[in-house]
N, C-alpha and C. Protein backbone atom coordinates (compact mmCIF):
# COMPACT_ATOMS: atom_id res chain seq x y z
N UNK A 1 10.24 -6.66 -10.17
CA UNK A 1 9.72 -5.48 -9.51
C UNK A 1 8.60 -5.90 -8.55
N UNK A 2 8.63 -5.38 -7.35
CA UNK A 2 7.61 -5.70 -6.35
C UNK A 2 6.48 -4.68 -6.43
N UNK A 3 5.27 -5.14 -6.21
CA UNK A 3 4.11 -4.26 -6.17
C UNK A 3 4.08 -3.56 -4.82
N UNK A 4 3.70 -2.30 -4.83
CA UNK A 4 3.61 -1.53 -3.60
C UNK A 4 2.19 -0.99 -3.47
N UNK A 5 1.56 -1.27 -2.35
CA UNK A 5 0.25 -0.71 -2.06
C UNK A 5 0.47 0.56 -1.23
N UNK A 6 0.00 1.70 -1.73
CA UNK A 6 0.18 2.94 -0.96
C UNK A 6 -0.48 2.85 0.42
N UNK A 7 0.29 3.24 1.43
CA UNK A 7 -0.15 3.19 2.83
C UNK A 7 0.26 4.49 3.51
N UNK A 8 -0.63 5.02 4.33
CA UNK A 8 -0.36 6.24 5.08
C UNK A 8 -0.66 6.01 6.55
N UNK A 9 -0.10 6.85 7.40
CA UNK A 9 -0.43 6.86 8.83
C UNK A 9 -0.82 8.29 9.19
N UNK A 10 -1.86 8.44 10.02
CA UNK A 10 -2.31 9.78 10.40
C UNK A 10 -1.71 10.20 11.74
N UNK A 11 -2.08 11.36 12.20
CA UNK A 11 -1.50 11.92 13.44
C UNK A 11 -1.83 11.09 14.67
N UNK A 12 -2.90 10.26 14.61
CA UNK A 12 -3.28 9.41 15.73
C UNK A 12 -2.62 8.04 15.67
N UNK A 13 -1.90 7.77 14.57
CA UNK A 13 -1.25 6.47 14.40
C UNK A 13 -2.11 5.45 13.67
N UNK A 14 -3.28 5.88 13.17
CA UNK A 14 -4.13 4.98 12.40
C UNK A 14 -3.53 4.77 11.01
N UNK A 15 -3.65 3.56 10.49
CA UNK A 15 -3.09 3.21 9.19
C UNK A 15 -4.20 3.25 8.14
N UNK A 16 -3.89 3.84 6.99
CA UNK A 16 -4.82 3.98 5.87
C UNK A 16 -4.21 3.32 4.65
N UNK A 17 -5.04 2.60 3.88
CA UNK A 17 -4.55 1.92 2.68
C UNK A 17 -5.35 2.37 1.46
N UNK A 18 -4.67 2.40 0.33
CA UNK A 18 -5.31 2.69 -0.95
C UNK A 18 -6.25 1.53 -1.28
N UNK A 19 -7.48 1.84 -1.68
CA UNK A 19 -8.46 0.81 -2.01
C UNK A 19 -8.37 0.37 -3.47
N UNK A 20 -7.62 1.11 -4.27
CA UNK A 20 -7.56 0.82 -5.70
C UNK A 20 -8.68 1.51 -6.46
N UNK A 21 -9.53 2.22 -5.75
CA UNK A 21 -10.65 2.94 -6.37
C UNK A 21 -10.30 4.41 -6.52
N UNK A 22 -11.00 5.08 -7.41
CA UNK A 22 -10.84 6.52 -7.62
C UNK A 22 -12.18 7.19 -7.38
N UNK A 23 -12.18 8.30 -6.64
CA UNK A 23 -13.41 9.04 -6.39
C UNK A 23 -13.89 9.63 -7.71
N UNK A 24 -15.15 9.39 -8.09
CA UNK A 24 -15.64 9.86 -9.38
C UNK A 24 -15.71 11.38 -9.51
N UNK A 25 -15.82 12.09 -8.41
CA UNK A 25 -15.93 13.55 -8.46
C UNK A 25 -14.57 14.22 -8.44
N UNK A 26 -13.72 13.83 -7.53
CA UNK A 26 -12.41 14.49 -7.38
C UNK A 26 -11.30 13.82 -8.17
N UNK A 27 -11.51 12.59 -8.61
CA UNK A 27 -10.50 11.79 -9.33
C UNK A 27 -9.29 11.46 -8.45
N UNK A 28 -9.47 11.57 -7.15
CA UNK A 28 -8.41 11.23 -6.19
C UNK A 28 -8.53 9.77 -5.80
N UNK A 29 -7.42 9.17 -5.35
CA UNK A 29 -7.52 7.81 -4.84
C UNK A 29 -8.40 7.77 -3.59
N UNK A 30 -9.15 6.70 -3.45
CA UNK A 30 -9.97 6.48 -2.25
C UNK A 30 -9.13 5.65 -1.29
N UNK A 31 -9.02 6.13 -0.05
CA UNK A 31 -8.28 5.39 0.96
C UNK A 31 -9.23 4.97 2.07
N UNK A 32 -8.81 3.94 2.80
CA UNK A 32 -9.67 3.37 3.84
C UNK A 32 -8.83 3.08 5.07
N UNK A 33 -9.40 3.40 6.25
CA UNK A 33 -8.72 3.06 7.49
C UNK A 33 -8.56 1.53 7.52
N UNK A 34 -7.46 1.06 8.04
CA UNK A 34 -7.13 -0.36 8.00
C UNK A 34 -8.26 -1.24 8.54
N UNK A 35 -8.99 -0.77 9.52
CA UNK A 35 -10.09 -1.56 10.07
C UNK A 35 -11.38 -1.41 9.25
N UNK A 36 -11.34 -0.61 8.20
CA UNK A 36 -12.49 -0.45 7.30
C UNK A 36 -13.58 0.45 7.81
N UNK A 37 -13.34 1.11 8.93
CA UNK A 37 -14.37 1.93 9.55
C UNK A 37 -14.68 3.19 8.74
N UNK A 38 -13.68 3.80 8.15
CA UNK A 38 -13.85 5.07 7.45
C UNK A 38 -13.12 4.98 6.12
N UNK A 39 -13.70 5.59 5.09
CA UNK A 39 -13.05 5.66 3.79
C UNK A 39 -13.45 6.95 3.10
N UNK A 40 -12.62 7.40 2.16
CA UNK A 40 -12.93 8.60 1.41
C UNK A 40 -11.77 9.00 0.54
N UNK A 41 -11.96 10.07 -0.25
CA UNK A 41 -10.88 10.57 -1.10
C UNK A 41 -9.69 11.03 -0.26
N UNK A 42 -8.51 10.87 -0.80
CA UNK A 42 -7.26 11.17 -0.09
C UNK A 42 -7.26 12.56 0.55
N UNK A 43 -7.58 13.61 -0.20
CA UNK A 43 -7.51 14.97 0.35
C UNK A 43 -8.54 15.19 1.45
N UNK A 44 -9.71 14.59 1.32
CA UNK A 44 -10.73 14.72 2.36
C UNK A 44 -10.26 14.07 3.66
N UNK A 45 -9.70 12.88 3.56
CA UNK A 45 -9.19 12.17 4.74
C UNK A 45 -8.02 12.94 5.34
N UNK A 46 -7.11 13.43 4.50
CA UNK A 46 -5.97 14.20 4.99
C UNK A 46 -6.44 15.46 5.72
N UNK A 47 -7.49 16.09 5.23
CA UNK A 47 -8.03 17.28 5.88
C UNK A 47 -8.63 17.00 7.24
N UNK A 48 -9.25 15.84 7.40
CA UNK A 48 -9.90 15.50 8.66
C UNK A 48 -8.95 14.83 9.66
N UNK A 49 -8.03 14.01 9.17
CA UNK A 49 -7.21 13.18 10.06
C UNK A 49 -5.71 13.45 9.93
N UNK A 50 -5.33 14.34 9.02
CA UNK A 50 -3.91 14.55 8.70
C UNK A 50 -3.20 15.40 9.70
N UNK A 51 -1.94 15.62 9.44
CA UNK A 51 -1.27 15.26 8.19
C UNK A 51 -1.04 13.75 8.08
N UNK A 52 -1.02 13.27 6.84
CA UNK A 52 -0.77 11.86 6.58
C UNK A 52 0.68 11.67 6.16
N UNK A 53 1.33 10.68 6.73
CA UNK A 53 2.70 10.34 6.35
C UNK A 53 2.62 9.15 5.40
N UNK A 54 3.21 9.29 4.21
CA UNK A 54 3.19 8.24 3.20
C UNK A 54 4.25 7.19 3.53
N UNK A 55 3.82 6.10 4.15
CA UNK A 55 4.76 5.04 4.55
C UNK A 55 5.30 4.26 3.36
N UNK A 56 4.48 4.09 2.33
CA UNK A 56 4.93 3.32 1.16
C UNK A 56 6.05 4.06 0.43
N UNK A 57 5.99 5.36 0.35
CA UNK A 57 7.05 6.14 -0.30
C UNK A 57 8.34 6.06 0.52
N UNK A 58 8.22 6.15 1.84
CA UNK A 58 9.40 6.05 2.69
C UNK A 58 10.04 4.68 2.58
N UNK A 59 9.21 3.62 2.51
CA UNK A 59 9.74 2.26 2.39
C UNK A 59 10.44 2.07 1.06
N UNK A 60 9.88 2.63 -0.02
CA UNK A 60 10.51 2.50 -1.34
C UNK A 60 11.84 3.23 -1.37
N UNK A 61 11.92 4.42 -0.76
CA UNK A 61 13.17 5.18 -0.73
C UNK A 61 14.23 4.43 0.07
N UNK A 62 13.83 3.83 1.18
CA UNK A 62 14.76 3.06 2.00
C UNK A 62 15.27 1.85 1.23
N UNK A 63 14.40 1.17 0.51
CA UNK A 63 14.79 0.00 -0.27
C UNK A 63 15.77 0.37 -1.38
N UNK A 64 15.59 1.53 -1.99
CA UNK A 64 16.50 1.97 -3.06
C UNK A 64 17.89 2.27 -2.52
N UNK A 65 17.95 2.79 -1.32
CA UNK A 65 19.25 3.13 -0.72
C UNK A 65 20.03 1.89 -0.31
N UNK A 66 19.32 0.82 -0.01
CA UNK A 66 19.97 -0.42 0.49
C UNK A 66 20.67 -1.19 -0.61
């Protein structure tokens, strides 16, 4: 089984990656822009920069079909 790191892309084409951390208040995953400039809980980032497209989920679905 291959490990998958959750990755999203926002409406501007910026890539966001899961940091492996959880926000202590919301218990949501913390994501970070690929260049490290911005980070925050998933819903907060989705609200400011979304909608977010989950690229890791799409890649996993494509791999299962192949």
